[in-house]
Amino acid sequence: MYILINESGNLSLQDHDSMKGFSIVDRTMGENRSELEAISQPAEDDHYWIDAQAVIDLSPGSTDKQWVEQFWKMLEGAAPYGYANMETGQVKAHVEKSE
C-alpha cells in the first residue's frame, strides 16, 4: 500500500489491499508536498509520520469495517519496528521518488 502524490500534488491511496508494506510515491519529485504535509510531520531521511485516520480517509475501503481492522492490525505489527505509534495514531513511511 502506498500514498501516491500525483503530478498536481493530490493524494490517493494505491494498492490499498496490500497490508504488507507502506510507503509514499512522489511524482512531483519533492516539488509539491503540501497535501502530504497537511496530514503528516516530517521525520528523518525523507520519512514522514502520517496520521493513520487520514490514511483511512484516503482509502476506498474507509467504510469497510474489515479493511479498517486489517489496517490497524498492520500498524500494530509495524509498531515494534518503529514504523507505527499506536499512542499517537501515526504510521511512518519513506518517500520513493517516481516520474
PDB file of N, CA and C in Angstrom:
ATOM      1  N   MET A   1       0.845  -1.158   0.000  1.00  0.00           N
ATOM      2  CA  MET A   1       0.000   0.000   0.000  1.00  0.00           C
ATOM      3  C   MET A   1       0.896   1.228   0.000  1.00  0.00           C
ATOM      4  N   TYR A   2       0.451   2.254  -0.724  1.00  0.00           N
ATOM      5  CA  TYR A   2       1.240   3.476  -0.731  1.00  0.00           C
ATOM      6  C   TYR A   2       0.357   4.687  -1.013  1.00  0.00           C
ATOM      7  N   ILE A   3       0.797   5.813  -0.481  1.00  0.00           N
ATOM      8  CA  ILE A   3       0.163   7.080  -0.803  1.00  0.00           C
ATOM      9  C   ILE A   3       0.857   7.611  -2.046  1.00  0.00           C
ATOM     10  N   LEU A   4       0.069   7.910  -3.060  1.00  0.00           N
ATOM     11  CA  LEU A   4       0.593   8.494  -4.292  1.00  0.00           C
ATOM     12  C   LEU A   4       0.383  10.000  -4.243  1.00  0.00           C
ATOM     13  N   ILE A   5       1.466  10.747  -4.450  1.00  0.00           N
ATOM     14  CA  ILE A   5       1.374  12.188  -4.651  1.00  0.00           C
ATOM     15  C   ILE A   5       1.473  12.380  -6.163  1.00  0.00           C
ATOM     16  N   ASN A   6       0.350  12.734  -6.801  1.00  0.00           N
ATOM     17  CA  ASN A   6       0.390  12.846  -8.262  1.00  0.00           C
ATOM     18  C   ASN A   6       1.055  14.141  -8.694  1.00  0.00           C
ATOM     19  N   GLU A   7       1.149  14.338  -9.977  1.00  0.00           N
ATOM     20  CA  GLU A   7       1.865  15.479 -10.538  1.00  0.00           C
ATOM     21  C   GLU A   7       1.313  16.818 -10.050  1.00  0.00           C
ATOM     22  N   SER A   8       0.036  16.856  -9.678  1.00  0.00           N
ATOM     23  CA  SER A   8      -0.596  18.084  -9.170  1.00  0.00           C
ATOM     24  C   SER A   8      -0.462  18.231  -7.664  1.00  0.00           C
ATOM     25  N   GLY A   9       0.096  17.225  -7.006  1.00  0.00           N
ATOM     26  CA  GLY A   9       0.255  17.259  -5.564  1.00  0.00           C
ATOM     27  C   GLY A   9      -0.893  16.636  -4.791  1.00  0.00           C
ATOM     28  N   ASN A  10      -1.884  16.102  -5.505  1.00  0.00           N
ATOM     29  CA  ASN A  10      -3.022  15.468  -4.848  1.00  0.00           C
ATOM     30  C   ASN A  10      -2.646  14.076  -4.346  1.00  0.00           C
ATOM     31  N   LEU A  11      -3.286  13.659  -3.258  1.00  0.00           N
ATOM     32  CA  LEU A  11      -3.005  12.366  -2.643  1.00  0.00           C
ATOM     33  C   LEU A  11      -4.078  11.345  -2.964  1.00  0.00           C
ATOM     34  N   SER A  12      -3.646  10.110  -3.122  1.00  0.00           N
ATOM     35  CA  SER A  12      -4.573   8.979  -3.212  1.00  0.00           C
ATOM     36  C   SER A  12      -3.877   7.760  -2.616  1.00  0.00           C
ATOM     37  N   LEU A  13      -4.675   6.836  -2.124  1.00  0.00           N
ATOM     38  CA  LEU A  13      -4.123   5.602  -1.574  1.00  0.00           C
ATOM     39  C   LEU A  13      -4.196   4.527  -2.643  1.00  0.00           C
ATOM     40  N   GLN A  14      -3.054   3.962  -2.984  1.00  0.00           N
ATOM     41  CA  GLN A  14      -2.952   2.952  -4.031  1.00  0.00           C
ATOM     42  C   GLN A  14      -2.633   1.589  -3.420  1.00  0.00           C
ATOM     43  N   ASP A  15      -3.030   0.536  -4.131  1.00  0.00           N
ATOM     44  CA  ASP A  15      -2.754  -0.828  -3.691  1.00  0.00           C
ATOM     45  C   ASP A  15      -3.226  -1.014  -2.242  1.00  0.00           C
ATOM     46  N   HIS A  16      -4.418  -0.475  -1.964  1.00  0.00           N
ATOM     47  CA  HIS A  16      -4.911  -0.387  -0.587  1.00  0.00           C
ATOM     48  C   HIS A  16      -5.162  -1.731   0.081  1.00  0.00           C
ATOM     49  N   ASP A  17      -5.272  -2.791  -0.684  1.00  0.00           N
ATOM     50  CA  ASP A  17      -5.490  -4.111  -0.082  1.00  0.00           C
ATOM     51  C   ASP A  17      -4.200  -4.820   0.306  1.00  0.00           C
ATOM     52  N   SER A  18      -3.067  -4.261  -0.056  1.00  0.00           N
ATOM     53  CA  SER A  18      -1.785  -4.859   0.310  1.00  0.00           C
ATOM     54  C   SER A  18      -1.384  -4.367   1.694  1.00  0.00           C
ATOM     55  N   MET A  19      -1.465  -5.254   2.662  1.00  0.00           N
ATOM     56  CA  MET A  19      -1.169  -4.890   4.049  1.00  0.00           C
ATOM     57  C   MET A  19       0.251  -5.309   4.454  1.00  0.00           C
ATOM     58  N   LYS A  20       1.136  -5.475   3.480  1.00  0.00           N
ATOM     59  CA  LYS A  20       2.490  -5.950   3.785  1.00  0.00           C
ATOM     60  C   LYS A  20       3.533  -4.848   3.792  1.00  0.00           C
ATOM     61  N   GLY A  21       3.159  -3.642   3.455  1.00  0.00           N
ATOM     62  CA  GLY A  21       4.106  -2.546   3.446  1.00  0.00           C
ATOM     63  C   GLY A  21       3.392  -1.231   3.246  1.00  0.00           C
ATOM     64  N   PHE A  22       4.102  -0.157   3.506  1.00  0.00           N
ATOM     65  CA  PHE A  22       3.502   1.174   3.382  1.00  0.00           C
ATOM     66  C   PHE A  22       4.585   2.170   3.010  1.00  0.00           C
ATOM     67  N   SER A  23       4.317   2.980   1.995  1.00  0.00           N
ATOM     68  CA  SER A  23       5.288   3.994   1.574  1.00  0.00           C
ATOM     69  C   SER A  23       4.546   5.159   0.931  1.00  0.00           C
ATOM     70  N   ILE A  24       5.330   6.111   0.460  1.00  0.00           N
ATOM     71  CA  ILE A  24       4.817   7.279  -0.252  1.00  0.00           C
ATOM     72  C   ILE A  24       5.535   7.314  -1.592  1.00  0.00           C
ATOM     73  N   VAL A  25       4.796   7.447  -2.681  1.00  0.00           N
ATOM     74  CA  VAL A  25       5.384   7.594  -4.005  1.00  0.00           C
ATOM     75  C   VAL A  25       5.114   9.025  -4.455  1.00  0.00           C
ATOM     76  N   ASP A  26       6.182   9.770  -4.692  1.00  0.00           N
ATOM     77  CA  ASP A  26       6.082  11.193  -5.015  1.00  0.00           C
ATOM     78  C   ASP A  26       6.397  11.424  -6.480  1.00  0.00           C
ATOM     79  N   ARG A  27       5.364  11.742  -7.256  1.00  0.00           N
ATOM     80  CA  ARG A  27       5.565  12.026  -8.678  1.00  0.00           C
ATOM     81  C   ARG A  27       5.910  13.488  -8.929  1.00  0.00           C
ATOM     82  N   THR A  28       5.925  14.315  -7.867  1.00  0.00           N
ATOM     83  CA  THR A  28       6.276  15.730  -8.036  1.00  0.00           C
ATOM     84  C   THR A  28       7.765  15.958  -7.827  1.00  0.00           C
ATOM     85  N   MET A  29       8.499  14.897  -7.501  1.00  0.00           N
ATOM     86  CA  MET A  29       9.937  14.989  -7.229  1.00  0.00           C
ATOM     87  C   MET A  29      10.216  15.979  -6.089  1.00  0.00           C
ATOM     88  N   GLY A  30       9.321  16.000  -5.102  1.00  0.00           N
ATOM     89  CA  GLY A  30       9.512  16.847  -3.936  1.00  0.00           C
ATOM     90  C   GLY A  30       9.056  18.277  -4.110  1.00  0.00           C
ATOM     91  N   GLU A  31       8.472  18.595  -5.253  1.00  0.00           N
ATOM     92  CA  GLU A  31       8.082  19.971  -5.551  1.00  0.00           C
ATOM     93  C   GLU A  31       6.752  20.382  -4.927  1.00  0.00           C
ATOM     94  N   ASN A  32       5.863  19.424  -4.636  1.00  0.00           N
ATOM     95  CA  ASN A  32       4.544  19.791  -4.131  1.00  0.00           C
ATOM     96  C   ASN A  32       4.060  18.746  -3.124  1.00  0.00           C
ATOM     97  N   ARG A  33       4.453  18.922  -1.887  1.00  0.00           N
ATOM     98  CA  ARG A  33       4.039  18.002  -0.823  1.00  0.00           C
ATOM     99  C   ARG A  33       3.084  18.656   0.171  1.00  0.00           C
ATOM    100  N   SER A  34       2.416  19.724  -0.227  1.00  0.00           N
ATOM    101  CA  SER A  34       1.566  20.455   0.714  1.00  0.00           C
ATOM    102  C   SER A  34       0.424  19.601   1.247  1.00  0.00           C
ATOM    103  N   GLU A  35      -0.217  18.782   0.403  1.00  0.00           N
ATOM    104  CA  GLU A  35      -1.294  17.908   0.892  1.00  0.00           C
ATOM    105  C   GLU A  35      -0.745  16.850   1.845  1.00  0.00           C
ATOM    106  N   LEU A  36       0.420  16.308   1.545  1.00  0.00           N
ATOM    107  CA  LEU A  36       1.052  15.349   2.444  1.00  0.00           C
ATOM    108  C   LEU A  36       1.385  16.011   3.771  1.00  0.00           C
ATOM    109  N   GLU A  37       1.948  17.188   3.704  1.00  0.00           N
ATOM    110  CA  GLU A  37       2.348  17.887   4.926  1.00  0.00           C
ATOM    111  C   GLU A  37       1.151  18.290   5.783  1.00  0.00           C
ATOM    112  N   ALA A  38      -0.043  18.386   5.180  1.00  0.00           N
ATOM    113  CA  ALA A  38      -1.253  18.713   5.935  1.00  0.00           C
ATOM    114  C   ALA A  38      -1.694  17.558   6.833  1.00  0.00           C
ATOM    115  N   ILE A  39      -1.274  16.328   6.506  1.00  0.00           N
ATOM    116  CA  ILE A  39      -1.693  15.154   7.291  1.00  0.00           C
ATOM    117  C   ILE A  39      -0.520  14.454   7.964  1.00  0.00           C
ATOM    118  N   SER A  40       0.649  15.087   7.939  1.00  0.00           N
ATOM    119  CA  SER A  40       1.835  14.402   8.456  1.00  0.00           C
ATOM    120  C   SER A  40       2.826  15.380   9.061  1.00  0.00           C
ATOM    121  N   GLN A  41       3.875  14.783   9.624  1.00  0.00           N
ATOM    122  CA  GLN A  41       5.007  15.546  10.141  1.00  0.00           C
ATOM    123  C   GLN A  41       6.273  14.940   9.550  1.00  0.00           C
ATOM    124  N   PRO A  42       7.191  15.782   9.068  1.00  0.00           N
ATOM    125  CA  PRO A  42       8.440  15.247   8.529  1.00  0.00           C
ATOM    126  C   PRO A  42       9.246  14.538   9.608  1.00  0.00           C
ATOM    127  N   ALA A  43       9.936  13.495   9.199  1.00  0.00           N
ATOM    128  CA  ALA A  43      10.858  12.757  10.068  1.00  0.00           C
ATOM    129  C   ALA A  43      12.204  12.716   9.348  1.00  0.00           C
ATOM    130  N   GLU A  44      13.121  11.957   9.878  1.00  0.00           N
ATOM    131  CA  GLU A  44      14.469  11.887   9.307  1.00  0.00           C
ATOM    132  C   GLU A  44      14.502  11.178   7.950  1.00  0.00           C
ATOM    133  N   ASP A  45      15.516  11.511   7.166  1.00  0.00           N
ATOM    134  CA  ASP A  45      15.830  10.801   5.915  1.00  0.00           C
ATOM    135  C   ASP A  45      14.637  10.627   4.978  1.00  0.00           C
ATOM    136  N   ASP A  46      13.906  11.699   4.711  1.00  0.00           N
ATOM    137  CA  ASP A  46      12.773  11.689   3.783  1.00  0.00           C
ATOM    138  C   ASP A  46      11.693  10.677   4.195  1.00  0.00           C
ATOM    139  N   HIS A  47      11.426  10.616   5.486  1.00  0.00           N
ATOM    140  CA  HIS A  47      10.318   9.857   6.051  1.00  0.00           C
ATOM    141  C   HIS A  47       9.295  10.843   6.605  1.00  0.00           C
ATOM    142  N   TYR A  48       8.068  10.389   6.749  1.00  0.00           N
ATOM    143  CA  TYR A  48       7.010  11.198   7.340  1.00  0.00           C
ATOM    144  C   TYR A  48       6.219  10.354   8.329  1.00  0.00           C
ATOM    145  N   TRP A  49       5.782  11.000   9.411  1.00  0.00           N
ATOM    146  CA  TRP A  49       4.817  10.411  10.335  1.00  0.00           C
ATOM    147  C   TRP A  49       3.450  10.891   9.861  1.00  0.00           C
ATOM    148  N   ILE A  50       2.615   9.959   9.421  1.00  0.00           N
ATOM    149  CA  ILE A  50       1.326  10.294   8.813  1.00  0.00           C
ATOM    150  C   ILE A  50       0.196   9.906   9.761  1.00  0.00           C
ATOM    151  N   ASP A  51      -0.789  10.765   9.857  1.00  0.00           N
ATOM    152  CA  ASP A  51      -1.967  10.478  10.661  1.00  0.00           C
ATOM    153  C   ASP A  51      -2.684   9.256  10.077  1.00  0.00           C
ATOM    154  N   ALA A  52      -2.831   8.213  10.884  1.00  0.00           N
ATOM    155  CA  ALA A  52      -3.423   6.963  10.400  1.00  0.00           C
ATOM    156  C   ALA A  52      -4.867   7.156   9.955  1.00  0.00           C
ATOM    157  N   GLN A  53      -5.620   8.001  10.651  1.00  0.00           N
ATOM    158  CA  GLN A  53      -7.004   8.243  10.247  1.00  0.00           C
ATOM    159  C   GLN A  53      -7.063   8.904   8.880  1.00  0.00           C
ATOM    160  N   ALA A  54      -6.096   9.757   8.570  1.00  0.00           N
ATOM    161  CA  ALA A  54      -6.050  10.382   7.248  1.00  0.00           C
ATOM    162  C   ALA A  54      -5.800   9.334   6.167  1.00  0.00           C
ATOM    163  N   VAL A  55      -4.978   8.330   6.468  1.00  0.00           N
ATOM    164  CA  VAL A  55      -4.747   7.232   5.519  1.00  0.00           C
ATOM    165  C   VAL A  55      -6.054   6.482   5.297  1.00  0.00           C
ATOM    166  N   ILE A  56      -6.749   6.189   6.374  1.00  0.00           N
ATOM    167  CA  ILE A  56      -8.045   5.504   6.256  1.00  0.00           C
ATOM    168  C   ILE A  56      -8.989   6.333   5.392  1.00  0.00           C
ATOM    169  N   ASP A  57      -9.035   7.632   5.630  1.00  0.00           N
ATOM    170  CA  ASP A  57      -9.928   8.506   4.859  1.00  0.00           C
ATOM    171  C   ASP A  57      -9.596   8.515   3.375  1.00  0.00           C
ATOM    172  N   LEU A  58      -8.330   8.305   3.016  1.00  0.00           N
ATOM    173  CA  LEU A  58      -7.926   8.244   1.608  1.00  0.00           C
ATOM    174  C   LEU A  58      -8.307   6.924   0.946  1.00  0.00           C
ATOM    175  N   SER A  59      -8.575   5.916   1.743  1.00  0.00           N
ATOM    176  CA  SER A  59      -8.784   4.576   1.211  1.00  0.00           C
ATOM    177  C   SER A  59     -10.188   4.364   0.650  1.00  0.00           C
ATOM    178  N   PRO A  60     -10.283   3.639  -0.476  1.00  0.00           N
ATOM    179  CA  PRO A  60     -11.597   3.223  -0.951  1.00  0.00           C
ATOM    180  C   PRO A  60     -12.272   2.274   0.058  1.00  0.00           C
ATOM    181  N   GLY A  61     -11.474   1.690   0.952  1.00  0.00           N
ATOM    182  CA  GLY A  61     -12.002   0.775   1.966  1.00  0.00           C
ATOM    183  C   GLY A  61     -12.359   1.456   3.270  1.00  0.00           C
ATOM    184  N   SER A  62     -12.421   2.773   3.278  1.00  0.00           N
ATOM    185  CA  SER A  62     -12.616   3.517   4.529  1.00  0.00           C
ATOM    186  C   SER A  62     -13.912   3.181   5.257  1.00  0.00           C
ATOM    187  N   THR A  63     -14.909   2.720   4.542  1.00  0.00           N
ATOM    188  CA  THR A  63     -16.183   2.369   5.182  1.00  0.00           C
ATOM    189  C   THR A  63     -16.323   0.869   5.403  1.00  0.00           C
ATOM    190  N   ASP A  64     -15.311   0.118   5.025  1.00  0.00           N
ATOM    191  CA  ASP A  64     -15.311  -1.339   5.183  1.00  0.00           C
ATOM    192  C   ASP A  64     -14.672  -1.688   6.529  1.00  0.00           C
ATOM    193  N   LYS A  65     -15.486  -2.119   7.464  1.00  0.00           N
ATOM    194  CA  LYS A  65     -15.008  -2.397   8.826  1.00  0.00           C
ATOM    195  C   LYS A  65     -13.846  -3.393   8.822  1.00  0.00           C
ATOM    196  N   GLN A  66     -13.928  -4.423   7.988  1.00  0.00           N
ATOM    197  CA  GLN A  66     -12.866  -5.425   7.925  1.00  0.00           C
ATOM    198  C   GLN A  66     -11.557  -4.812   7.426  1.00  0.00           C
ATOM    199  N   TRP A  67     -11.629  -3.946   6.397  1.00  0.00           N
ATOM    200  CA  TRP A  67     -10.423  -3.300   5.892  1.00  0.00           C
ATOM    201  C   TRP A  67      -9.783  -2.440   6.979  1.00  0.00           C
ATOM    202  N   VAL A  68     -10.606  -1.653   7.669  1.00  0.00           N
ATOM    203  CA  VAL A  68     -10.092  -0.768   8.717  1.00  0.00           C
ATOM    204  C   VAL A  68      -9.429  -1.585   9.826  1.00  0.00           C
ATOM    205  N   GLU A  69     -10.041  -2.705  10.217  1.00  0.00           N
ATOM    206  CA  GLU A  69      -9.447  -3.569  11.245  1.00  0.00           C
ATOM    207  C   GLU A  69      -8.118  -4.135  10.778  1.00  0.00           C
ATOM    208  N   GLN A  70      -8.027  -4.553   9.521  1.00  0.00           N
ATOM    209  CA  GLN A  70      -6.771  -5.078   8.979  1.00  0.00           C
ATOM    210  C   GLN A  70      -5.696  -3.996   8.940  1.00  0.00           C
ATOM    211  N   PHE A  71      -6.083  -2.779   8.605  1.00  0.00           N
ATOM    212  CA  PHE A  71      -5.134  -1.677   8.570  1.00  0.00           C
ATOM    213  C   PHE A  71      -4.543  -1.440   9.959  1.00  0.00           C
ATOM    214  N   TRP A  72      -5.401  -1.375  10.991  1.00  0.00           N
ATOM    215  CA  TRP A  72      -4.900  -1.170  12.355  1.00  0.00           C
ATOM    216  C   TRP A  72      -4.036  -2.338  12.809  1.00  0.00           C
ATOM    217  N   LYS A  73      -4.388  -3.542  12.393  1.00  0.00           N
ATOM    218  CA  LYS A  73      -3.582  -4.722  12.723  1.00  0.00           C
ATOM    219  C   LYS A  73      -2.199  -4.619  12.073  1.00  0.00           C
ATOM    220  N   MET A  74      -2.150  -4.114  10.832  1.00  0.00           N
ATOM    221  CA  MET A  74      -0.867  -3.912  10.156  1.00  0.00           C
ATOM    222  C   MET A  74      -0.017  -2.921  10.951  1.00  0.00           C
ATOM    223  N   LEU A  75      -0.648  -1.846  11.425  1.00  0.00           N
ATOM    224  CA  LEU A  75       0.095  -0.852  12.204  1.00  0.00           C
ATOM    225  C   LEU A  75       0.600  -1.443  13.516  1.00  0.00           C
ATOM    226  N   GLU A  76      -0.210  -2.246  14.168  1.00  0.00           N
ATOM    227  CA  GLU A  76       0.224  -2.902  15.408  1.00  0.00           C
ATOM    228  C   GLU A  76       1.451  -3.773  15.152  1.00  0.00           C
ATOM    229  N   GLY A  77       1.475  -4.458  14.016  1.00  0.00           N
ATOM    230  CA  GLY A  77       2.624  -5.290  13.659  1.00  0.00           C
ATOM    231  C   GLY A  77       3.865  -4.478  13.345  1.00  0.00           C
ATOM    232  N   ALA A  78       3.684  -3.247  12.847  1.00  0.00           N
ATOM    233  CA  ALA A  78       4.820  -2.390  12.497  1.00  0.00           C
ATOM    234  C   ALA A  78       5.357  -1.620  13.691  1.00  0.00           C
ATOM    235  N   ALA A  79       4.560  -1.483  14.724  1.00  0.00           N
ATOM    236  CA  ALA A  79       4.950  -0.671  15.890  1.00  0.00           C
ATOM    237  C   ALA A  79       6.262  -1.116  16.539  1.00  0.00           C
ATOM    238  N   PRO A  80       6.493  -2.425  16.759  1.00  0.00           N
ATOM    239  CA  PRO A  80       7.756  -2.825  17.388  1.00  0.00           C
ATOM    240  C   PRO A  80       9.001  -2.452  16.577  1.00  0.00           C
ATOM    241  N   TYR A  81       8.825  -2.195  15.282  1.00  0.00           N
ATOM    242  CA  TYR A  81       9.943  -1.846  14.410  1.00  0.00           C
ATOM    243  C   TYR A  81      10.092  -0.338  14.229  1.00  0.00           C
ATOM    244  N   GLY A  82       9.246   0.431  14.917  1.00  0.00           N
ATOM    245  CA  GLY A  82       9.344   1.881  14.864  1.00  0.00           C
ATOM    246  C   GLY A  82       8.618   2.537  13.709  1.00  0.00           C
ATOM    247  N   TYR A  83       7.750   1.796  13.034  1.00  0.00           N
ATOM    248  CA  TYR A  83       7.039   2.350  11.890  1.00  0.00           C
ATOM    249  C   TYR A  83       5.581   2.688  12.173  1.00  0.00           C
ATOM    250  N   ALA A  84       5.165   2.546  13.398  1.00  0.00           N
ATOM    251  CA  ALA A  84       3.827   2.966  13.804  1.00  0.00           C
ATOM    252  C   ALA A  84       3.884   3.349  15.274  1.00  0.00           C
ATOM    253  N   ASN A  85       3.103   4.346  15.614  1.00  0.00           N
ATOM    254  CA  ASN A  85       2.981   4.767  17.000  1.00  0.00           C
ATOM    255  C   ASN A  85       1.499   4.669  17.344  1.00  0.00           C
ATOM    256  N   MET A  86       1.149   3.645  18.096  1.00  0.00           N
ATOM    257  CA  MET A  86      -0.255   3.397  18.401  1.00  0.00           C
ATOM    258  C   MET A  86      -0.805   4.444  19.363  1.00  0.00           C
ATOM    259  N   GLU A  87       0.033   5.047  20.166  1.00  0.00           N
ATOM    260  CA  GLU A  87      -0.423   6.077  21.106  1.00  0.00           C
ATOM    261  C   GLU A  87      -0.838   7.351  20.382  1.00  0.00           C
ATOM    262  N   THR A  88      -0.085   7.737  19.358  1.00  0.00           N
ATOM    263  CA  THR A  88      -0.399   8.963  18.619  1.00  0.00           C
ATOM    264  C   THR A  88      -1.252   8.689  17.383  1.00  0.00           C
ATOM    265  N   GLY A  89      -1.395   7.418  17.013  1.00  0.00           N
ATOM    266  CA  GLY A  89      -2.177   7.075  15.828  1.00  0.00           C
ATOM    267  C   GLY A  89      -1.497   7.498  14.542  1.00  0.00           C
ATOM    268  N   GLN A  90      -0.186   7.251  14.460  1.00  0.00           N
ATOM    269  CA  GLN A  90       0.571   7.634  13.276  1.00  0.00           C
ATOM    270  C   GLN A  90       1.321   6.440  12.699  1.00  0.00           C
ATOM    271  N   VAL A  91       1.535   6.499  11.399  1.00  0.00           N
ATOM    272  CA  VAL A  91       2.326   5.499  10.696  1.00  0.00           C
ATOM    273  C   VAL A  91       3.476   6.218  10.004  1.00  0.00           C
ATOM    274  N   LYS A  92       4.637   5.591  10.017  1.00  0.00           N
ATOM    275  CA  LYS A  92       5.832   6.195   9.420  1.00  0.00           C
ATOM    276  C   LYS A  92       6.057   5.581   8.037  1.00  0.00           C
ATOM    277  N   ALA A  93       6.371   6.443   7.067  1.00  0.00           N
ATOM    278  CA  ALA A  93       6.602   5.958   5.706  1.00  0.00           C
ATOM    279  C   ALA A  93       7.745   6.725   5.070  1.00  0.00           C
ATOM    280  N   HIS A  94       8.454   6.050   4.173  1.00  0.00           N
ATOM    281  CA  HIS A  94       9.528   6.697   3.421  1.00  0.00           C
ATOM    282  C   HIS A  94       8.999   7.117   2.059  1.00  0.00           C
ATOM    283  N   VAL A  95       9.663   8.099   1.481  1.00  0.00           N
ATOM    284  CA  VAL A  95       9.273   8.621   0.174  1.00  0.00           C
ATOM    285  C   VAL A  95      10.099   7.968  -0.912  1.00  0.00           C
ATOM    286  N   GLU A  96       9.410   7.473  -1.914  1.00  0.00           N
ATOM    287  CA  GLU A  96      10.053   6.949  -3.114  1.00  0.00           C
ATOM    288  C   GLU A  96       9.757   7.947  -4.223  1.00  0.00           C
ATOM    289  N   LYS A  97      10.786   8.456  -4.849  1.00  0.00           N
ATOM    290  CA  LYS A  97      10.577   9.407  -5.938  1.00  0.00           C
ATOM    291  C   LYS A  97      10.273   8.624  -7.215  1.00  0.00           C
ATOM    292  N   SER A  98       9.309   9.123  -7.974  1.00  0.00           N
ATOM    293  CA  SER A  98       8.870   8.446  -9.182  1.00  0.00           C
ATOM    294  C   SER A  98       8.566   9.503 -10.241  1.00  0.00           C
ATOM    295  N   GLU A  99       8.752   9.133 -11.476  1.00  0.00           N
ATOM    296  CA  GLU A  99       8.435  10.062 -12.576  1.00  0.00           C
ATOM    297  C   GLU A  99       7.132   9.699 -13.221  1.00  0.00           C
TER     298      GLU A  99
END
